[in-house]
PDB file of N, CA and C in Angstrom:
ATOM      1  N   MET A   1       0.838  -1.171   0.000  1.00  0.00           N
ATOM      2  CA  MET A   1       0.000   0.000   0.000  1.00  0.00           C
ATOM      3  C   MET A   1       0.886   1.239   0.000  1.00  0.00           C
ATOM      4  N   SER A   2       0.538   2.219  -0.793  1.00  0.00           N
ATOM      5  CA  SER A   2       1.307   3.446  -0.908  1.00  0.00           C
ATOM      6  C   SER A   2       0.913   4.418   0.186  1.00  0.00           C
ATOM      7  N   GLU A   3       1.894   5.174   0.636  1.00  0.00           N
ATOM      8  CA  GLU A   3       1.649   6.217   1.619  1.00  0.00           C
ATOM      9  C   GLU A   3       2.168   7.526   1.058  1.00  0.00           C
ATOM     10  N   TYR A   4       1.563   8.635   1.492  1.00  0.00           N
ATOM     11  CA  TYR A   4       1.941   9.942   0.983  1.00  0.00           C
ATOM     12  C   TYR A   4       1.784  10.968   2.092  1.00  0.00           C
ATOM     13  N   ARG A   5       2.789  11.817   2.262  1.00  0.00           N
ATOM     14  CA  ARG A   5       2.732  12.875   3.269  1.00  0.00           C
ATOM     15  C   ARG A   5       3.472  14.085   2.725  1.00  0.00           C
ATOM     16  N   GLN A   6       2.910  15.290   2.857  1.00  0.00           N
ATOM     17  CA  GLN A   6       3.582  16.510   2.448  1.00  0.00           C
ATOM     18  C   GLN A   6       3.625  17.487   3.593  1.00  0.00           C
ATOM     19  N   ILE A   7       4.736  18.207   3.675  1.00  0.00           N
ATOM     20  CA  ILE A   7       4.903  19.265   4.659  1.00  0.00           C
ATOM     21  C   ILE A   7       5.234  20.532   3.878  1.00  0.00           C
ATOM     22  N   PHE A   8       4.428  21.562   4.033  1.00  0.00           N
ATOM     23  CA  PHE A   8       4.631  22.800   3.281  1.00  0.00           C
ATOM     24  C   PHE A   8       5.138  23.910   4.185  1.00  0.00           C
ATOM     25  N   ALA A   9       6.013  24.735   3.639  1.00  0.00           N
ATOM     26  CA  ALA A   9       6.435  25.962   4.303  1.00  0.00           C
ATOM     27  C   ALA A   9       5.326  26.993   4.129  1.00  0.00           C
ATOM     28  N   ALA A  10       5.357  28.024   4.944  1.00  0.00           N
ATOM     29  CA  ALA A  10       4.362  29.082   4.819  1.00  0.00           C
ATOM     30  C   ALA A  10       4.582  29.841   3.515  1.00  0.00           C
ATOM     31  N   GLY A  11       3.522  30.299   2.906  1.00  0.00           N
ATOM     32  CA  GLY A  11       3.627  31.080   1.680  1.00  0.00           C
ATOM     33  C   GLY A  11       3.528  30.217   0.437  1.00  0.00           C
ATOM     34  N   ASP A  12       3.766  30.846  -0.700  1.00  0.00           N
ATOM     35  CA  ASP A  12       3.665  30.171  -1.998  1.00  0.00           C
ATOM     36  C   ASP A  12       4.983  29.485  -2.319  1.00  0.00           C
ATOM     37  N   VAL A  13       5.039  28.153  -2.193  1.00  0.00           N
ATOM     38  CA  VAL A  13       6.286  27.416  -2.410  1.00  0.00           C
ATOM     39  C   VAL A  13       6.692  27.385  -3.875  1.00  0.00           C
ATOM     40  N   ASP A  14       5.776  27.651  -4.799  1.00  0.00           N
ATOM     41  CA  ASP A  14       6.101  27.653  -6.224  1.00  0.00           C
ATOM     42  C   ASP A  14       6.509  29.019  -6.755  1.00  0.00           C
ATOM     43  N   ASP A  15       6.568  30.027  -5.912  1.00  0.00           N
ATOM     44  CA  ASP A  15       6.955  31.365  -6.346  1.00  0.00           C
ATOM     45  C   ASP A  15       8.431  31.360  -6.741  1.00  0.00           C
ATOM     46  N   PRO A  16       8.759  31.512  -8.045  1.00  0.00           N
ATOM     47  CA  PRO A  16      10.157  31.450  -8.474  1.00  0.00           C
ATOM     48  C   PRO A  16      11.019  32.560  -7.881  1.00  0.00           C
ATOM     49  N   ALA A  17      10.399  33.649  -7.430  1.00  0.00           N
ATOM     50  CA  ALA A  17      11.170  34.739  -6.838  1.00  0.00           C
ATOM     51  C   ALA A  17      11.635  34.405  -5.412  1.00  0.00           C
ATOM     52  N   ARG A  18      11.059  33.401  -4.824  1.00  0.00           N
ATOM     53  CA  ARG A  18      11.425  33.006  -3.459  1.00  0.00           C
ATOM     54  C   ARG A  18      12.783  32.283  -3.503  1.00  0.00           C
ATOM     55  N   PRO A  19      13.778  32.763  -2.758  1.00  0.00           N
ATOM     56  CA  PRO A  19      15.119  32.184  -2.879  1.00  0.00           C
ATOM     57  C   PRO A  19      15.270  30.780  -2.305  1.00  0.00           C
ATOM     58  N   VAL A  20      14.588  30.477  -1.226  1.00  0.00           N
ATOM     59  CA  VAL A  20      14.727  29.161  -0.593  1.00  0.00           C
ATOM     60  C   VAL A  20      13.352  28.667  -0.181  1.00  0.00           C
ATOM     61  N   VAL A  21      13.089  27.395  -0.445  1.00  0.00           N
ATOM     62  CA  VAL A  21      11.808  26.814  -0.061  1.00  0.00           C
ATOM     63  C   VAL A  21      12.064  25.556   0.738  1.00  0.00           C
ATOM     64  N   SER A  22      11.356  25.431   1.831  1.00  0.00           N
ATOM     65  CA  SER A  22      11.419  24.209   2.620  1.00  0.00           C
ATOM     66  C   SER A  22      10.103  23.481   2.446  1.00  0.00           C
ATOM     67  N   LYS A  23      10.098  22.504   1.547  1.00  0.00           N
ATOM     68  CA  LYS A  23       8.907  21.702   1.300  1.00  0.00           C
ATOM     69  C   LYS A  23       9.374  20.266   1.189  1.00  0.00           C
ATOM     70  N   ALA A  24       8.866  19.406   2.002  1.00  0.00           N
ATOM     71  CA  ALA A  24       9.250  17.992   1.937  1.00  0.00           C
ATOM     72  C   ALA A  24       8.030  17.156   1.611  1.00  0.00           C
ATOM     73  N   SER A  25       8.220  16.168   0.753  1.00  0.00           N
ATOM     74  CA  SER A  25       7.172  15.217   0.416  1.00  0.00           C
ATOM     75  C   SER A  25       7.727  13.819   0.642  1.00  0.00           C
ATOM     76  N   ASP A  26       7.043  13.009   1.399  1.00  0.00           N
ATOM     77  CA  ASP A  26       7.455  11.631   1.642  1.00  0.00           C
ATOM     78  C   ASP A  26       6.481  10.696   0.945  1.00  0.00           C
ATOM     79  N   TYR A  27       7.013   9.736   0.195  1.00  0.00           N
ATOM     80  CA  TYR A  27       6.192   8.757  -0.508  1.00  0.00           C
ATOM     81  C   TYR A  27       6.747   7.365  -0.246  1.00  0.00           C
ATOM     82  N   THR A  28       5.883   6.383  -0.204  1.00  0.00           N
ATOM     83  CA  THR A  28       6.300   4.989  -0.118  1.00  0.00           C
ATOM     84  C   THR A  28       5.697   4.248  -1.304  1.00  0.00           C
ATOM     85  N   GLY A  29       6.571   3.523  -2.070  1.00  0.00           N
ATOM     86  CA  GLY A  29       6.150   2.852  -3.303  1.00  0.00           C
ATOM     87  C   GLY A  29       5.382   1.576  -3.043  1.00  0.00           C
ATOM     88  N   PRO A  30       4.834   1.020  -4.100  1.00  0.00           N
ATOM     89  CA  PRO A  30       5.034   1.422  -5.490  1.00  0.00           C
ATOM     90  C   PRO A  30       4.117   2.587  -5.885  1.00  0.00           C
ATOM     91  N   LEU A  31       4.687   3.523  -6.613  1.00  0.00           N
ATOM     92  CA  LEU A  31       3.937   4.684  -7.094  1.00  0.00           C
ATOM     93  C   LEU A  31       4.439   5.070  -8.476  1.00  0.00           C
ATOM     94  N   HIS A  32       3.566   5.675  -9.268  1.00  0.00           N
ATOM     95  CA  HIS A  32       3.954   6.232 -10.561  1.00  0.00           C
ATOM     96  C   HIS A  32       3.423   7.652 -10.634  1.00  0.00           C
ATOM     97  N   PHE A  33       4.312   8.595 -10.918  1.00  0.00           N
ATOM     98  CA  PHE A  33       3.914   9.975 -11.148  1.00  0.00           C
ATOM     99  C   PHE A  33       4.100  10.232 -12.646  1.00  0.00           C
ATOM    100  N   PRO A  34       3.027  10.453 -13.394  1.00  0.00           N
ATOM    101  CA  PRO A  34       3.161  10.675 -14.831  1.00  0.00           C
ATOM    102  C   PRO A  34       3.931  11.973 -15.113  1.00  0.00           C
ATOM    103  N   TRP A  35       4.181  12.247 -16.376  1.00  0.00           N
ATOM    104  CA  TRP A  35       4.944  13.429 -16.766  1.00  0.00           C
ATOM    105  C   TRP A  35       4.361  14.676 -16.115  1.00  0.00           C
ATOM    106  N   HIS A  36       5.230  15.451 -15.504  1.00  0.00           N
ATOM    107  CA  HIS A  36       4.841  16.681 -14.820  1.00  0.00           C
ATOM    108  C   HIS A  36       6.078  17.567 -14.735  1.00  0.00           C
ATOM    109  N   ASP A  37       5.905  18.789 -14.258  1.00  0.00           N
ATOM    110  CA  ASP A  37       7.057  19.644 -14.013  1.00  0.00           C
ATOM    111  C   ASP A  37       6.800  20.490 -12.775  1.00  0.00           C
ATOM    112  N   HIS A  38       7.833  21.148 -12.336  1.00  0.00           N
ATOM    113  CA  HIS A  38       7.778  22.037 -11.180  1.00  0.00           C
ATOM    114  C   HIS A  38       8.343  23.382 -11.612  1.00  0.00           C
ATOM    115  N   LEU A  39       7.816  24.471 -11.080  1.00  0.00           N
ATOM    116  CA  LEU A  39       8.360  25.784 -11.414  1.00  0.00           C
ATOM    117  C   LEU A  39       9.776  25.947 -10.876  1.00  0.00           C
ATOM    118  N   ARG A  40      10.047  25.332  -9.744  1.00  0.00           N
ATOM    119  CA  ARG A  40      11.354  25.456  -9.099  1.00  0.00           C
ATOM    120  C   ARG A  40      12.160  24.186  -9.333  1.00  0.00           C
ATOM    121  N   ALA A  41      13.481  24.293  -9.178  1.00  0.00           N
ATOM    122  CA  ALA A  41      14.333  23.105  -9.212  1.00  0.00           C
ATOM    123  C   ALA A  41      13.939  22.203  -8.042  1.00  0.00           C
ATOM    124  N   GLN A  42      14.291  20.924  -8.125  1.00  0.00           N
ATOM    125  CA  GLN A  42      13.876  19.969  -7.108  1.00  0.00           C
ATOM    126  C   GLN A  42      15.032  19.032  -6.777  1.00  0.00           C
ATOM    127  N   LEU A  43      15.204  18.733  -5.503  1.00  0.00           N
ATOM    128  CA  LEU A  43      16.170  17.743  -5.034  1.00  0.00           C
ATOM    129  C   LEU A  43      15.382  16.535  -4.561  1.00  0.00           C
ATOM    130  N   VAL A  44      15.740  15.336  -5.039  1.00  0.00           N
ATOM    131  CA  VAL A  44      15.045  14.115  -4.628  1.00  0.00           C
ATOM    132  C   VAL A  44      16.033  13.162  -3.967  1.00  0.00           C
ATOM    133  N   HIS A  45      15.521  12.363  -3.047  1.00  0.00           N
ATOM    134  CA  HIS A  45      16.347  11.462  -2.250  1.00  0.00           C
ATOM    135  C   HIS A  45      15.592  10.156  -2.032  1.00  0.00           C
ATOM    136  N   ALA A  46      16.258   9.036  -2.249  1.00  0.00           N
ATOM    137  CA  ALA A  46      15.663   7.719  -1.977  1.00  0.00           C
ATOM    138  C   ALA A  46      16.234   7.214  -0.660  1.00  0.00           C
ATOM    139  N   SER A  47      15.447   7.247   0.399  1.00  0.00           N
ATOM    140  CA  SER A  47      15.939   6.755   1.691  1.00  0.00           C
ATOM    141  C   SER A  47      15.909   5.236   1.757  1.00  0.00           C
ATOM    142  N   GLU A  48      15.099   4.602   0.925  1.00  0.00           N
ATOM    143  CA  GLU A  48      15.037   3.141   0.794  1.00  0.00           C
ATOM    144  C   GLU A  48      14.687   2.807  -0.645  1.00  0.00           C
ATOM    145  N   GLY A  49      15.133   1.651  -1.132  1.00  0.00           N
ATOM    146  CA  GLY A  49      14.747   1.175  -2.451  1.00  0.00           C
ATOM    147  C   GLY A  49      15.333   2.005  -3.577  1.00  0.00           C
ATOM    148  N   VAL A  50      14.664   1.958  -4.725  1.00  0.00           N
ATOM    149  CA  VAL A  50      15.129   2.631  -5.942  1.00  0.00           C
ATOM    150  C   VAL A  50      13.987   3.422  -6.558  1.00  0.00           C
ATOM    151  N   MET A  51      14.292   4.637  -6.994  1.00  0.00           N
ATOM    152  CA  MET A  51      13.333   5.401  -7.763  1.00  0.00           C
ATOM    153  C   MET A  51      13.937   5.687  -9.128  1.00  0.00           C
ATOM    154  N   THR A  52      13.080   5.800 -10.123  1.00  0.00           N
ATOM    155  CA  THR A  52      13.494   6.048 -11.491  1.00  0.00           C
ATOM    156  C   THR A  52      12.903   7.377 -11.933  1.00  0.00           C
ATOM    157  N   VAL A  53      13.774   8.317 -12.316  1.00  0.00           N
ATOM    158  CA  VAL A  53      13.343   9.617 -12.802  1.00  0.00           C
ATOM    159  C   VAL A  53      13.653   9.674 -14.291  1.00  0.00           C
ATOM    160  N   SER A  54      12.647   9.924 -15.102  1.00  0.00           N
ATOM    161  CA  SER A  54      12.831  10.006 -16.550  1.00  0.00           C
ATOM    162  C   SER A  54      12.593  11.428 -17.025  1.00  0.00           C
ATOM    163  N   THR A  55      13.463  11.888 -17.930  1.00  0.00           N
ATOM    164  CA  THR A  55      13.312  13.190 -18.577  1.00  0.00           C
ATOM    165  C   THR A  55      13.540  12.981 -20.069  1.00  0.00           C
ATOM    166  N   ALA A  56      13.360  14.037 -20.848  1.00  0.00           N
ATOM    167  CA  ALA A  56      13.622  13.942 -22.286  1.00  0.00           C
ATOM    168  C   ALA A  56      15.096  13.649 -22.549  1.00  0.00           C
ATOM    169  N   GLU A  57      15.971  14.051 -21.629  1.00  0.00           N
ATOM    170  CA  GLU A  57      17.410  13.863 -21.798  1.00  0.00           C
ATOM    171  C   GLU A  57      17.884  12.457 -21.429  1.00  0.00           C
ATOM    172  N   GLY A  58      17.111  11.724 -20.624  1.00  0.00           N
ATOM    173  CA  GLY A  58      17.524  10.385 -20.226  1.00  0.00           C
ATOM    174  C   GLY A  58      16.848   9.935 -18.945  1.00  0.00           C
ATOM    175  N   THR A  59      17.354   8.848 -18.381  1.00  0.00           N
ATOM    176  CA  THR A  59      16.776   8.231 -17.197  1.00  0.00           C
ATOM    177  C   THR A  59      17.822   8.178 -16.093  1.00  0.00           C
ATOM    178  N   LEU A  60      17.401   8.487 -14.883  1.00  0.00           N
ATOM    179  CA  LEU A  60      18.278   8.473 -13.717  1.00  0.00           C
ATOM    180  C   LEU A  60      17.702   7.493 -12.702  1.00  0.00           C
ATOM    181  N   TYR A  61      18.512   6.534 -12.282  1.00  0.00           N
ATOM    182  CA  TYR A  61      18.119   5.581 -11.244  1.00  0.00           C
ATOM    183  C   TYR A  61      18.762   6.040  -9.949  1.00  0.00           C
ATOM    184  N   ILE A  62      17.933   6.304  -8.945  1.00  0.00           N
ATOM    185  CA  ILE A  62      18.444   6.826  -7.679  1.00  0.00           C
ATOM    186  C   ILE A  62      18.183   5.788  -6.602  1.00  0.00           C
ATOM    187  N   GLY A  63      19.253   5.241  -6.055  1.00  0.00           N
ATOM    188  CA  GLY A  63      19.160   4.253  -4.990  1.00  0.00           C
ATOM    189  C   GLY A  63      19.386   4.888  -3.633  1.00  0.00           C
ATOM    190  N   ARG A  64      19.291   4.067  -2.618  1.00  0.00           N
ATOM    191  CA  ARG A  64      19.457   4.511  -1.238  1.00  0.00           C
ATOM    192  C   ARG A  64      20.754   5.296  -1.090  1.00  0.00           C
ATOM    193  N   VAL A  65      20.718   6.322  -0.310  1.00  0.00           N
ATOM    194  CA  VAL A  65      21.804   7.253   0.030  1.00  0.00           C
ATOM    195  C   VAL A  65      22.229   8.156  -1.126  1.00  0.00           C
ATOM    196  N   TYR A  66      21.632   8.039  -2.298  1.00  0.00           N
ATOM    197  CA  TYR A  66      21.962   8.942  -3.404  1.00  0.00           C
ATOM    198  C   TYR A  66      20.891  10.009  -3.533  1.00  0.00           C
ATOM    199  N   ARG A  67      21.282  11.126  -4.134  1.00  0.00           N
ATOM    200  CA  ARG A  67      20.355  12.222  -4.365  1.00  0.00           C
ATOM    201  C   ARG A  67      20.424  12.602  -5.836  1.00  0.00           C
ATOM    202  N   GLY A  68      19.363  13.192  -6.325  1.00  0.00           N
ATOM    203  CA  GLY A  68      19.337  13.692  -7.692  1.00  0.00           C
ATOM    204  C   GLY A  68      18.642  15.035  -7.690  1.00  0.00           C
ATOM    205  N   SER A  69      18.980  15.850  -8.659  1.00  0.00           N
ATOM    206  CA  SER A  69      18.315  17.146  -8.748  1.00  0.00           C
ATOM    207  C   SER A  69      17.877  17.380 -10.180  1.00  0.00           C
ATOM    208  N   GLY A  70      16.864  18.193 -10.319  1.00  0.00           N
ATOM    209  CA  GLY A  70      16.354  18.537 -11.636  1.00  0.00           C
ATOM    210  C   GLY A  70      16.002  20.002 -11.687  1.00  0.00           C
ATOM    211  N   PRO A  71      16.267  20.647 -12.827  1.00  0.00           N
ATOM    212  CA  PRO A  71      15.924  22.058 -12.954  1.00  0.00           C
ATOM    213  C   PRO A  71      14.412  22.253 -12.999  1.00  0.00           C
ATOM    214  N   GLY A  72      13.974  23.444 -12.706  1.00  0.00           N
ATOM    215  CA  GLY A  72      12.558  23.747 -12.774  1.00  0.00           C
ATOM    216  C   GLY A  72      12.072  23.799 -14.212  1.00  0.00           C
ATOM    217  N   ALA A  73      10.765  23.679 -14.389  1.00  0.00           N
ATOM    218  CA  ALA A  73      10.098  23.790 -15.683  1.00  0.00           C
ATOM    219  C   ALA A  73      10.599  22.773 -16.708  1.00  0.00           C
ATOM    220  N   ARG A  74      11.059  21.613 -16.268  1.00  0.00           N
ATOM    221  CA  ARG A  74      11.462  20.517 -17.159  1.00  0.00           C
ATOM    222  C   ARG A  74      10.573  19.320 -16.875  1.00  0.00           C
ATOM    223  N   PRO A  75       9.843  18.838 -17.857  1.00  0.00           N
ATOM    224  CA  PRO A  75       8.969  17.684 -17.625  1.00  0.00           C
ATOM    225  C   PRO A  75       9.745  16.448 -17.180  1.00  0.00           C
ATOM    226  N   ARG A  76       9.158  15.691 -16.268  1.00  0.00           N
ATOM    227  CA  ARG A  76       9.760  14.452 -15.767  1.00  0.00           C
ATOM    228  C   ARG A  76       8.668  13.511 -15.309  1.00  0.00           C
ATOM    229  N   SER A  77       8.993  12.235 -15.244  1.00  0.00           N
ATOM    230  CA  SER A  77       8.108  11.254 -14.626  1.00  0.00           C
ATOM    231  C   SER A  77       8.915  10.543 -13.550  1.00  0.00           C
ATOM    232  N   LEU A  78       8.216   9.906 -12.629  1.00  0.00           N
ATOM    233  CA  LEU A  78       8.877   9.281 -11.489  1.00  0.00           C
ATOM    234  C   LEU A  78       8.215   7.953 -11.183  1.00  0.00           C
ATOM    235  N   GLU A  79       9.017   6.931 -10.975  1.00  0.00           N
ATOM    236  CA  GLU A  79       8.535   5.606 -10.567  1.00  0.00           C
ATOM    237  C   GLU A  79       9.203   5.234  -9.255  1.00  0.00           C
ATOM    238  N   LEU A  80       8.438   4.721  -8.320  1.00  0.00           N
ATOM    239  CA  LEU A  80       8.986   4.195  -7.071  1.00  0.00           C
ATOM    240  C   LEU A  80       8.740   2.701  -7.037  1.00  0.00           C
ATOM    241  N   ASP A  81       9.798   1.926  -6.829  1.00  0.00           N
ATOM    242  CA  ASP A  81       9.664   0.476  -6.711  1.00  0.00           C
ATOM    243  C   ASP A  81       8.948   0.111  -5.423  1.00  0.00           C
ATOM    244  N   GLN A  82       8.472  -1.123  -5.351  1.00  0.00           N
ATOM    245  CA  GLN A  82       7.847  -1.636  -4.125  1.00  0.00           C
ATOM    246  C   GLN A  82       8.799  -1.428  -2.957  1.00  0.00           C
ATOM    247  N   GLY A  83       8.333  -0.807  -1.906  1.00  0.00           N
ATOM    248  CA  GLY A  83       9.140  -0.600  -0.716  1.00  0.00           C
ATOM    249  C   GLY A  83      10.068   0.593  -0.777  1.00  0.00           C
ATOM    250  N   ALA A  84      10.113   1.283  -1.909  1.00  0.00           N
ATOM    251  CA  ALA A  84      10.975   2.468  -2.014  1.00  0.00           C
ATOM    252  C   ALA A  84      10.375   3.609  -1.198  1.00  0.00           C
ATOM    253  N   GLU A  85      11.231   4.390  -0.594  1.00  0.00           N
ATOM    254  CA  GLU A  85      10.804   5.591   0.136  1.00  0.00           C
ATOM    255  C   GLU A  85      11.509   6.780  -0.489  1.00  0.00           C
ATOM    256  N   HIS A  86      10.763   7.810  -0.776  1.00  0.00           N
ATOM    257  CA  HIS A  86      11.251   8.963  -1.541  1.00  0.00           C
ATOM    258  C   HIS A  86      10.936  10.228  -0.780  1.00  0.00           C
ATOM    259  N   GLN A  87      11.868  11.176  -0.817  1.00  0.00           N
ATOM    260  CA  GLN A  87      11.641  12.511  -0.275  1.00  0.00           C
ATOM    261  C   GLN A  87      12.046  13.505  -1.331  1.00  0.00           C
ATOM    262  N   SER A  88      11.317  14.601  -1.424  1.00  0.00           N
ATOM    263  CA  SER A  88      11.695  15.649  -2.370  1.00  0.00           C
ATOM    264  C   SER A  88      11.647  16.995  -1.679  1.00  0.00           C
ATOM    265  N   PHE A  89      12.514  17.869  -2.129  1.00  0.00           N
ATOM    266  CA  PHE A  89      12.584  19.228  -1.614  1.00  0.00           C
ATOM    267  C   PHE A  89      12.586  20.167  -2.813  1.00  0.00           C
ATOM    268  N   ASP A  90      11.639  21.105  -2.830  1.00  0.00           N
ATOM    269  CA  ASP A  90      11.512  22.032  -3.952  1.00  0.00           C
ATOM    270  C   ASP A  90      12.043  23.395  -3.541  1.00  0.00           C
TER     271      ASP A  90
END
């Protein structure tokens, strides 16, 4: 069963003029996020398992203890394997 939790900072977290945003999202796989984008760059972290991030430029496999980042306004999709735990910071 998938779990999902988000913690938002006060204010508009998608405001590109905002220099720093503290927003964390925790997910537990298996999950699929279809193609989407974010206005801001994003840092993702797999605390358990493997997540797959796909972009037009290629595919990134992020395992435990590794982090990946993506620029804002770039479409991406995300897959979480069974038992994978994912956190993102925008």
